[in-house]
Amino acid sequence: MKTTEVTMVRIYLTESESKLDALIKRLHDWEHVRGVTVFRGISGFGPSGIMHTSNILDLSLNLPVVVEFFDEPEKVDMILEHLSEMIDPGHVVRWKAEVLSQKDL
């Protein structure tokens, strides 16, 4: 089975930060990453300890949002450098992964 090494990146935001649209635009239009997925959480908290949650009684507009993307390791390093002013420290996680080649799928 043929694979290609990539780096996965997960960026943690909240809806109230209003960074999502600019981040997606940058990843798509400027950085041309291979793929992006955005997850909207139903509950979460960060270093502040403030719980962000959605329930019937409290329809918050400040829910957790996770942006996940992957690309070649060198390209991801460059992208993360570009994003360093946009994303707060401690909100980015990355790890090595492998993508199966099209021929093997």
Protein backbone atom coordinates (compact mmCIF):
# COMPACT_ATOMS: atom_id res chain seq x y z
CA MET A 1 0.00 0.00 0.00
CA LYS A 2 1.47 3.35 -1.04
CA THR A 3 1.20 6.27 1.40
CA THR A 4 2.28 9.89 1.55
CA GLU A 5 3.37 11.58 4.78
CA VAL A 6 1.33 14.62 5.77
CA THR A 7 0.89 16.80 8.83
CA MET A 8 -2.58 17.13 10.34
CA VAL A 9 -3.46 20.38 12.07
CA ARG A 10 -6.33 21.10 14.43
CA ILE A 11 -7.11 24.70 15.40
CA TYR A 12 -9.43 25.42 18.33
CA LEU A 13 -11.60 28.56 18.20
CA THR A 14 -14.90 29.80 19.55
CA GLU A 15 -17.66 31.32 17.46
CA SER A 16 -17.41 34.67 19.25
CA GLU A 17 -13.79 35.14 18.12
CA SER A 18 -15.03 35.83 14.57
CA LYS A 19 -11.87 34.32 13.08
CA LEU A 20 -13.43 31.36 11.25
CA ASP A 21 -14.33 33.03 7.95
CA ALA A 22 -10.94 34.74 7.62
CA LEU A 23 -9.14 31.50 8.51
CA ILE A 24 -11.06 29.41 5.97
CA LYS A 25 -10.53 32.06 3.28
CA ARG A 26 -6.81 32.12 3.99
CA LEU A 27 -6.46 28.32 3.95
CA HIS A 28 -8.46 28.03 0.72
CA ASP A 29 -7.50 31.11 -1.30
CA TRP A 30 -3.96 31.90 -0.15
CA GLU A 31 -2.48 28.70 1.23
CA HIS A 32 -4.26 26.20 -1.09
CA VAL A 33 -4.26 23.38 1.47
CA ARG A 34 -5.33 19.91 0.36
CA GLY A 35 -8.44 19.77 2.53
CA VAL A 36 -10.22 21.55 5.40
CA THR A 37 -13.05 20.45 7.67
CA VAL A 38 -14.80 22.59 10.28
CA PHE A 39 -16.48 21.00 13.30
CA ARG A 40 -18.91 22.89 15.52
CA GLY A 41 -18.86 21.60 19.06
CA ILE A 42 -21.78 21.25 21.42
CA SER A 43 -19.70 21.79 24.53
CA GLY A 44 -16.18 22.69 25.56
CA PHE A 45 -13.88 24.87 27.63
CA GLY A 46 -10.37 26.25 27.35
CA PRO A 47 -7.73 27.67 29.70
CA SER A 48 -10.19 30.22 31.11
CA GLY A 49 -12.37 27.39 32.42
CA ILE A 50 -15.49 29.05 31.02
CA MET A 51 -17.89 26.38 29.75
CA HIS A 52 -19.24 26.95 26.25
CA THR A 53 -22.29 24.78 25.74
CA SER A 54 -25.46 24.47 23.72
CA ASN A 55 -28.65 23.30 25.27
CA ILE A 56 -32.30 24.13 24.85
CA LEU A 57 -32.24 26.71 27.66
CA ASP A 58 -29.03 28.44 26.56
CA LEU A 59 -28.58 28.69 22.80
CA SER A 60 -25.11 30.17 22.93
CA LEU A 61 -23.48 31.79 19.93
CA ASN A 62 -20.11 31.16 21.49
CA LEU A 63 -19.71 27.44 20.87
CA PRO A 64 -16.38 25.71 20.25
CA VAL A 65 -15.24 25.44 16.64
CA VAL A 66 -12.47 23.12 15.40
CA VAL A 67 -10.79 23.66 12.04
CA GLU A 68 -8.82 20.68 10.78
CA PHE A 69 -6.59 20.51 7.71
CA PHE A 70 -3.66 18.59 6.32
CA ASP A 71 -0.88 18.98 3.78
CA GLU A 72 2.79 18.23 3.23
CA PRO A 73 4.87 18.80 6.40
CA GLU A 74 6.98 21.63 4.93
CA LYS A 75 3.90 23.44 3.64
CA VAL A 76 2.15 23.11 7.01
CA ASP A 77 5.18 24.59 8.79
CA MET A 78 5.00 27.62 6.46
CA ILE A 79 1.22 27.95 6.91
CA LEU A 80 1.46 27.84 10.71
CA GLU A 81 4.08 30.56 10.59
CA HIS A 82 1.68 32.69 8.53
CA LEU A 83 -1.17 32.00 10.97
CA SER A 84 0.84 32.79 14.11
CA GLU A 85 -0.50 36.35 14.31
CA MET A 86 -4.09 35.25 13.66
CA ILE A 87 -4.35 32.28 16.05
CA ASP A 88 -3.65 32.50 19.78
CA PRO A 89 -0.76 30.39 21.14
CA GLY A 90 -1.87 27.06 22.57
CA HIS A 91 -4.82 26.71 20.19
CA VAL A 92 -3.03 24.66 17.53
CA VAL A 93 -2.28 20.94 17.63
CA ARG A 94 -0.42 19.06 14.90
CA TRP A 95 0.70 15.50 14.29
CA LYS A 96 2.16 13.30 11.58
CA ALA A 97 -0.19 11.15 9.51
CA GLU A 98 -0.23 9.19 6.27
CA VAL A 99 -2.58 9.53 3.30
CA LEU A 100 -3.35 6.51 1.15
CA SER A 101 -2.61 7.17 -2.49
CA GLN A 102 -5.50 7.35 -4.94
CA LYS A 103 -4.36 4.15 -6.62
CA ASP A 104 -4.80 2.20 -3.39
CA LEU A 105 -8.35 3.40 -2.71
